[in-house]
Every structure is written in C-alpha cells, then in structure tokens.
C-alpha cells in the first residue's frame, strides 16, 4: 500500500523559512505527479505546487515568488522550500500523488490525486 510521509512543518517567525519533505513509500508505478496542497480551518484544500517525475512544475500564483518545489526522483521525494513566510501561510500542508499524467489546467485540483499524506502543520507567528 502506497504511503506518503510528509515532514518539515513546524513553527517559523514572519519572514522565516521552512522546508517540507514528502517521500512516497511502496510506490509501485514508474512515474508520478506529486503535489503540495494546503488547507486553512474551515476551508477546502488549495493547490500550492506540483512536480512530476518527468520534470513538469506548476506553482500557484500566490506561491510563485516565495515557494520552490523540487525533487529527488530516485528517492521519490519532493520538497517545498517556503521563504519569506507571513502568518497568512499558517495552514496544514498535505502531500499528494498520482501515477498518471494530468492535464495542465487540472494539476492543482485535489480530485486529480489519489494518494494523500497525513499532513504537516505550518505555523507562522508575527
């Protein structure tokens, strides 16, 4: 059974940085699209950034200037470097994955992903 293990969340001060890590365990497929989503209390999850094993990257507009997604394909691991954090980035961050190619307009849509991690909490204080 595929498992996505996310880590790296925690507390940061305004203007600080955090690096999230997500590793896919027991992943049997030859390719992947992996993504970060985040969820605020009482809100639906929103896409942050995606990266695929063949190098496709898409980042949400709000994250383009401050968040960088990267990967280690051999380790089936993705990273999200988050810089210049404001309190508004406080949320639960989730890692997601699927094994097939997704059309560009749908890359940041939650329904396109069938594997999900447990979430890692990011708290940014002022």
N, C-alpha and C. Protein backbone atom coordinates (compact mmCIF):
# COMPACT_ATOMS: atom_id res chain seq x y z
N UNK A 1 0.84 -1.19 0.00
CA UNK A 1 0.00 0.00 0.00
C UNK A 1 0.88 1.24 0.00
N UNK A 2 0.59 2.17 -0.91
CA UNK A 2 1.38 3.38 -1.02
C UNK A 2 1.18 4.25 0.21
N UNK A 3 2.26 4.83 0.68
CA UNK A 3 2.20 5.74 1.81
C UNK A 3 3.01 6.98 1.47
N UNK A 4 2.44 8.14 1.75
CA UNK A 4 3.15 9.41 1.58
C UNK A 4 3.48 9.93 2.97
N UNK A 5 4.75 10.12 3.22
CA UNK A 5 5.20 10.58 4.53
C UNK A 5 5.72 12.00 4.40
N UNK A 6 5.03 12.91 5.05
CA UNK A 6 5.39 14.33 4.98
C UNK A 6 6.02 14.76 6.30
N UNK A 7 6.98 15.64 6.19
CA UNK A 7 7.65 16.19 7.36
C UNK A 7 8.15 17.58 7.06
N UNK A 8 8.68 18.24 8.08
CA UNK A 8 9.28 19.54 7.88
C UNK A 8 8.45 20.71 8.35
N UNK A 9 7.20 20.44 8.67
CA UNK A 9 6.37 21.52 9.20
C UNK A 9 6.84 21.93 10.59
N UNK A 10 6.26 22.98 11.09
CA UNK A 10 6.65 23.45 12.41
C UNK A 10 6.36 24.93 12.52
N UNK A 11 7.10 25.57 13.37
CA UNK A 11 6.88 26.98 13.64
C UNK A 11 7.97 27.83 13.01
N UNK A 12 7.56 28.98 12.55
CA UNK A 12 8.50 29.95 11.99
C UNK A 12 8.03 31.35 12.36
N UNK A 13 8.96 32.26 12.37
CA UNK A 13 8.63 33.67 12.56
C UNK A 13 8.30 34.28 11.21
N UNK A 14 7.58 35.37 11.22
CA UNK A 14 7.32 36.11 9.99
C UNK A 14 8.63 36.42 9.29
N UNK A 15 8.66 36.13 8.01
CA UNK A 15 9.87 36.35 7.23
C UNK A 15 10.83 35.17 7.23
N UNK A 16 10.50 34.15 8.01
CA UNK A 16 11.36 32.98 8.09
C UNK A 16 11.10 31.98 6.98
N UNK A 17 11.75 30.83 7.11
CA UNK A 17 11.67 29.78 6.08
C UNK A 17 11.41 28.42 6.72
N UNK A 18 10.78 27.58 5.93
CA UNK A 18 10.62 26.18 6.28
C UNK A 18 10.76 25.35 5.02
N UNK A 19 11.17 24.12 5.19
CA UNK A 19 11.30 23.20 4.06
C UNK A 19 10.51 21.94 4.36
N UNK A 20 9.52 21.69 3.55
CA UNK A 20 8.70 20.50 3.69
C UNK A 20 9.27 19.38 2.82
N UNK A 21 9.14 18.17 3.31
CA UNK A 21 9.64 16.99 2.61
C UNK A 21 8.52 15.94 2.53
N UNK A 22 8.38 15.32 1.40
CA UNK A 22 7.40 14.25 1.25
C UNK A 22 8.03 13.10 0.47
N UNK A 23 7.96 11.91 1.05
CA UNK A 23 8.51 10.71 0.42
C UNK A 23 7.40 9.70 0.18
N UNK A 24 7.37 9.14 -1.01
CA UNK A 24 6.42 8.08 -1.34
C UNK A 24 7.05 6.73 -1.03
N UNK A 25 6.36 5.97 -0.21
CA UNK A 25 6.85 4.66 0.20
C UNK A 25 5.99 3.57 -0.44
N UNK A 26 6.63 2.49 -0.84
CA UNK A 26 5.94 1.36 -1.50
C UNK A 26 5.18 1.86 -2.74
N UNK A 27 5.81 2.73 -3.48
CA UNK A 27 5.20 3.30 -4.69
C UNK A 27 5.57 2.42 -5.86
N UNK A 28 4.59 1.76 -6.49
CA UNK A 28 4.89 0.74 -7.49
C UNK A 28 4.95 1.22 -8.93
N UNK A 29 4.64 2.49 -9.15
CA UNK A 29 4.49 2.97 -10.52
C UNK A 29 5.80 3.55 -11.06
N UNK A 30 5.90 3.63 -12.36
CA UNK A 30 7.12 4.10 -12.99
C UNK A 30 7.19 5.62 -13.08
N UNK A 31 6.07 6.30 -12.91
CA UNK A 31 6.07 7.76 -12.97
C UNK A 31 5.18 8.31 -11.86
N UNK A 32 5.31 9.60 -11.64
CA UNK A 32 4.44 10.22 -10.64
C UNK A 32 4.23 11.69 -10.95
N UNK A 33 3.14 12.18 -10.44
CA UNK A 33 2.93 13.61 -10.26
C UNK A 33 2.69 13.78 -8.77
N UNK A 34 3.51 14.58 -8.13
CA UNK A 34 3.36 14.80 -6.69
C UNK A 34 3.15 16.28 -6.43
N UNK A 35 2.40 16.55 -5.41
CA UNK A 35 1.97 17.93 -5.20
C UNK A 35 1.89 18.26 -3.71
N UNK A 36 1.92 19.55 -3.46
CA UNK A 36 1.62 20.08 -2.14
C UNK A 36 0.31 20.85 -2.21
N UNK A 37 -0.54 20.57 -1.24
CA UNK A 37 -1.77 21.33 -1.05
C UNK A 37 -1.74 21.88 0.36
N UNK A 38 -2.57 22.87 0.62
CA UNK A 38 -2.69 23.35 1.98
C UNK A 38 -4.16 23.60 2.30
N UNK A 39 -4.44 23.58 3.57
CA UNK A 39 -5.83 23.74 3.99
C UNK A 39 -5.89 24.62 5.24
N UNK A 40 -6.71 25.66 5.14
CA UNK A 40 -6.98 26.52 6.27
C UNK A 40 -8.21 25.99 7.00
N UNK A 41 -8.33 26.25 8.30
CA UNK A 41 -9.50 25.77 9.04
C UNK A 41 -10.82 26.20 8.39
N UNK A 42 -11.69 25.23 8.16
CA UNK A 42 -12.99 25.53 7.59
C UNK A 42 -12.99 25.77 6.10
N UNK A 43 -11.84 25.61 5.45
CA UNK A 43 -11.72 25.85 4.01
C UNK A 43 -11.36 24.57 3.29
N UNK A 44 -11.57 24.57 1.99
CA UNK A 44 -11.15 23.44 1.18
C UNK A 44 -9.64 23.53 0.91
N UNK A 45 -9.09 22.39 0.58
CA UNK A 45 -7.66 22.37 0.24
C UNK A 45 -7.40 23.12 -1.05
N UNK A 46 -6.28 23.81 -1.06
CA UNK A 46 -5.89 24.53 -2.27
C UNK A 46 -4.51 24.07 -2.70
N UNK A 47 -4.33 24.03 -4.00
CA UNK A 47 -3.06 23.59 -4.54
C UNK A 47 -1.98 24.63 -4.36
N UNK A 48 -0.80 24.17 -4.01
CA UNK A 48 0.35 25.05 -3.83
C UNK A 48 1.32 24.89 -4.99
N UNK A 49 1.76 23.65 -5.23
CA UNK A 49 2.71 23.40 -6.31
C UNK A 49 2.74 21.91 -6.62
N UNK A 50 3.09 21.60 -7.85
CA UNK A 50 3.24 20.21 -8.27
C UNK A 50 4.55 20.02 -9.00
N UNK A 51 5.01 18.78 -8.99
CA UNK A 51 6.18 18.41 -9.77
C UNK A 51 5.99 16.97 -10.21
N UNK A 52 6.38 16.69 -11.43
CA UNK A 52 6.24 15.32 -11.93
C UNK A 52 7.62 14.69 -12.14
N UNK A 53 7.62 13.40 -12.26
CA UNK A 53 8.88 12.69 -12.42
C UNK A 53 9.58 13.02 -13.73
N UNK A 54 8.83 13.56 -14.69
CA UNK A 54 9.46 13.97 -15.95
C UNK A 54 9.77 15.45 -15.98
N UNK A 55 9.68 16.11 -14.81
CA UNK A 55 10.16 17.47 -14.69
C UNK A 55 9.16 18.59 -14.84
N UNK A 56 7.89 18.26 -15.00
CA UNK A 56 6.87 19.30 -15.10
C UNK A 56 6.67 19.95 -13.73
N UNK A 57 6.59 21.27 -13.72
CA UNK A 57 6.37 22.03 -12.49
C UNK A 57 5.25 23.04 -12.72
N UNK A 58 4.38 23.14 -11.75
CA UNK A 58 3.37 24.19 -11.76
C UNK A 58 3.23 24.71 -10.33
N UNK A 59 3.24 26.01 -10.20
CA UNK A 59 3.14 26.64 -8.89
C UNK A 59 1.97 27.62 -8.90
N UNK A 60 1.21 27.59 -7.83
CA UNK A 60 0.08 28.52 -7.72
C UNK A 60 0.60 29.95 -7.72
N UNK A 61 -0.21 30.85 -8.22
CA UNK A 61 0.21 32.25 -8.34
C UNK A 61 0.66 32.83 -7.01
N UNK A 62 -0.04 32.50 -5.94
CA UNK A 62 0.30 33.10 -4.65
C UNK A 62 1.66 32.61 -4.14
N UNK A 63 2.13 31.49 -4.68
CA UNK A 63 3.35 30.88 -4.17
C UNK A 63 4.57 31.11 -5.07
N UNK A 64 4.37 31.65 -6.23
CA UNK A 64 5.46 31.71 -7.21
C UNK A 64 6.67 32.49 -6.74
N UNK A 65 6.46 33.52 -5.97
CA UNK A 65 7.60 34.37 -5.57
C UNK A 65 8.31 33.85 -4.33
N UNK A 66 7.67 32.95 -3.57
CA UNK A 66 8.24 32.58 -2.28
C UNK A 66 8.44 31.09 -2.08
N UNK A 67 7.75 30.26 -2.86
CA UNK A 67 7.82 28.81 -2.67
C UNK A 67 8.52 28.18 -3.86
N UNK A 68 9.38 27.18 -3.57
CA UNK A 68 10.07 26.46 -4.63
C UNK A 68 9.89 24.97 -4.41
N UNK A 69 9.38 24.30 -5.43
CA UNK A 69 9.23 22.85 -5.34
C UNK A 69 10.37 22.19 -6.09
N UNK A 70 10.88 21.10 -5.53
CA UNK A 70 11.96 20.36 -6.16
C UNK A 70 11.80 18.88 -5.83
N UNK A 71 12.69 18.05 -6.36
CA UNK A 71 12.50 16.61 -6.15
C UNK A 71 13.81 15.85 -6.24
N UNK A 72 13.76 14.66 -5.72
CA UNK A 72 14.79 13.65 -5.91
C UNK A 72 14.04 12.45 -6.49
N UNK A 73 14.12 12.30 -7.79
CA UNK A 73 13.32 11.28 -8.47
C UNK A 73 13.67 9.88 -7.97
N UNK A 74 14.94 9.62 -7.79
CA UNK A 74 15.37 8.29 -7.38
C UNK A 74 14.80 7.92 -6.02
N UNK A 75 14.61 8.92 -5.16
CA UNK A 75 14.08 8.67 -3.82
C UNK A 75 12.57 8.85 -3.75
N UNK A 76 11.95 9.20 -4.86
CA UNK A 76 10.52 9.52 -4.92
C UNK A 76 10.18 10.47 -3.77
N UNK A 77 10.91 11.54 -3.73
CA UNK A 77 10.80 12.53 -2.67
C UNK A 77 10.68 13.92 -3.29
N UNK A 78 9.76 14.70 -2.75
CA UNK A 78 9.65 16.08 -3.18
C UNK A 78 9.86 17.01 -1.99
N UNK A 79 10.21 18.25 -2.31
CA UNK A 79 10.49 19.24 -1.30
C UNK A 79 9.72 20.52 -1.63
N UNK A 80 9.39 21.24 -0.60
CA UNK A 80 8.79 22.56 -0.79
C UNK A 80 9.55 23.53 0.10
N UNK A 81 10.35 24.37 -0.54
CA UNK A 81 11.07 25.41 0.18
C UNK A 81 10.18 26.63 0.27
N UNK A 82 9.88 27.04 1.47
CA UNK A 82 8.99 28.18 1.69
C UNK A 82 9.78 29.30 2.36
N UNK A 83 9.85 30.43 1.71
CA UNK A 83 10.62 31.56 2.21
C UNK A 83 9.72 32.77 2.43
N UNK A 84 10.23 33.71 3.19
CA UNK A 84 9.52 34.97 3.46
C UNK A 84 8.10 34.70 3.94
N UNK A 85 7.98 33.84 4.91
CA UNK A 85 6.67 33.39 5.37
C UNK A 85 5.95 34.48 6.15
N UNK A 86 4.70 34.76 5.81
CA UNK A 86 3.85 35.60 6.63
C UNK A 86 2.88 34.73 7.43
N UNK A 87 2.24 35.27 8.46
CA UNK A 87 1.26 34.48 9.22
C UNK A 87 0.15 33.88 8.35
N UNK A 88 -0.15 34.51 7.23
CA UNK A 88 -1.20 34.01 6.34
C UNK A 88 -0.88 32.65 5.72
N UNK A 89 0.36 32.20 5.83
CA UNK A 89 0.72 30.88 5.32
C UNK A 89 0.49 29.79 6.35
N UNK A 90 0.03 30.16 7.53
CA UNK A 90 -0.28 29.17 8.56
C UNK A 90 -1.41 28.27 8.08
N UNK A 91 -1.13 26.97 7.99
CA UNK A 91 -2.10 26.01 7.46
C UNK A 91 -1.56 24.60 7.66
N UNK A 92 -2.42 23.63 7.39
CA UNK A 92 -1.96 22.25 7.30
C UNK A 92 -1.57 22.00 5.85
N UNK A 93 -0.38 21.49 5.65
CA UNK A 93 0.12 21.22 4.32
C UNK A 93 0.11 19.73 4.06
N UNK A 94 -0.45 19.35 2.91
CA UNK A 94 -0.59 17.95 2.54
C UNK A 94 0.19 17.64 1.28
N UNK A 95 0.76 16.47 1.28
CA UNK A 95 1.41 15.93 0.09
C UNK A 95 0.44 15.00 -0.62
N UNK A 96 0.46 15.03 -1.93
CA UNK A 96 -0.43 14.17 -2.71
C UNK A 96 0.31 13.63 -3.92
N UNK A 97 -0.19 12.53 -4.46
CA UNK A 97 0.46 11.94 -5.62
C UNK A 97 -0.53 11.17 -6.46
N UNK A 98 -0.19 11.04 -7.73
CA UNK A 98 -0.87 10.06 -8.56
C UNK A 98 0.12 9.52 -9.58
N UNK A 99 -0.31 8.52 -10.31
CA UNK A 99 0.62 7.81 -11.17
C UNK A 99 0.44 8.13 -12.65
N UNK A 100 -0.52 8.94 -12.99
CA UNK A 100 -0.76 9.20 -14.40
C UNK A 100 -0.56 10.68 -14.70
N UNK A 101 -0.47 10.98 -15.95
CA UNK A 101 -0.28 12.35 -16.38
C UNK A 101 -1.58 13.14 -16.22
N UNK A 102 -1.48 14.37 -15.78
CA UNK A 102 -2.64 15.23 -15.57
C UNK A 102 -2.55 16.41 -16.51
N UNK A 103 -3.66 16.78 -17.10
CA UNK A 103 -3.66 17.95 -17.98
C UNK A 103 -3.31 19.20 -17.20
N UNK A 104 -2.60 20.11 -17.84
CA UNK A 104 -2.08 21.31 -17.18
C UNK A 104 -3.14 22.05 -16.36
N UNK A 105 -4.33 22.31 -16.89
CA UNK A 105 -5.31 23.10 -16.10
C UNK A 105 -5.74 22.42 -14.80
N UNK A 106 -5.53 21.12 -14.68
CA UNK A 106 -6.05 20.38 -13.53
C UNK A 106 -4.96 19.95 -12.55
N UNK A 107 -3.75 20.42 -12.75
CA UNK A 107 -2.63 19.96 -11.93
C UNK A 107 -2.78 20.33 -10.46
N UNK A 108 -3.47 21.39 -10.16
CA UNK A 108 -3.61 21.83 -8.77
C UNK A 108 -5.02 21.55 -8.23
N UNK A 109 -5.67 20.58 -8.81
CA UNK A 109 -7.03 20.21 -8.40
C UNK A 109 -6.96 18.95 -7.54
N UNK A 110 -7.57 19.01 -6.37
CA UNK A 110 -7.44 17.91 -5.41
C UNK A 110 -7.97 16.58 -5.95
N UNK A 111 -9.03 16.62 -6.73
CA UNK A 111 -9.65 15.38 -7.20
C UNK A 111 -8.76 14.59 -8.17
N UNK A 112 -7.70 15.20 -8.65
CA UNK A 112 -6.80 14.51 -9.58
C UNK A 112 -5.81 13.59 -8.87
N UNK A 113 -5.78 13.63 -7.55
CA UNK A 113 -4.77 12.88 -6.80
C UNK A 113 -5.44 11.79 -5.96
N UNK A 114 -4.87 10.58 -6.04
CA UNK A 114 -5.49 9.50 -5.29
C UNK A 114 -4.66 9.00 -4.12
N UNK A 115 -3.46 9.53 -3.96
CA UNK A 115 -2.69 9.21 -2.77
C UNK A 115 -2.49 10.51 -1.98
N UNK A 116 -2.68 10.40 -0.66
CA UNK A 116 -2.53 11.59 0.19
C UNK A 116 -1.73 11.26 1.43
N UNK A 117 -0.92 12.19 1.85
CA UNK A 117 -0.19 12.06 3.09
C UNK A 117 -1.00 12.55 4.27
N UNK A 118 -0.40 12.49 5.43
CA UNK A 118 -1.12 12.79 6.67
C UNK A 118 -1.17 14.28 6.98
N UNK A 119 -0.40 15.07 6.30
CA UNK A 119 -0.39 16.50 6.58
C UNK A 119 0.68 16.89 7.58
N UNK A 120 1.21 18.06 7.39
CA UNK A 120 2.18 18.60 8.33
C UNK A 120 1.82 20.06 8.58
N UNK A 121 1.77 20.44 9.84
CA UNK A 121 1.28 21.76 10.21
C UNK A 121 2.39 22.79 10.13
N UNK A 122 2.08 23.89 9.48
CA UNK A 122 2.98 25.04 9.40
C UNK A 122 2.33 26.19 10.16
N UNK A 123 3.05 26.74 11.11
CA UNK A 123 2.55 27.85 11.91
C UNK A 123 3.55 28.99 11.82
N UNK A 124 3.07 30.13 11.34
CA UNK A 124 3.92 31.31 11.22
C UNK A 124 3.40 32.37 12.17
N UNK A 125 4.26 32.79 13.05
CA UNK A 125 3.86 33.78 14.04
C UNK A 125 4.45 35.15 13.73
N UNK A 126 3.73 36.15 14.15
CA UNK A 126 4.18 37.53 13.87
C UNK A 126 5.13 38.03 14.94
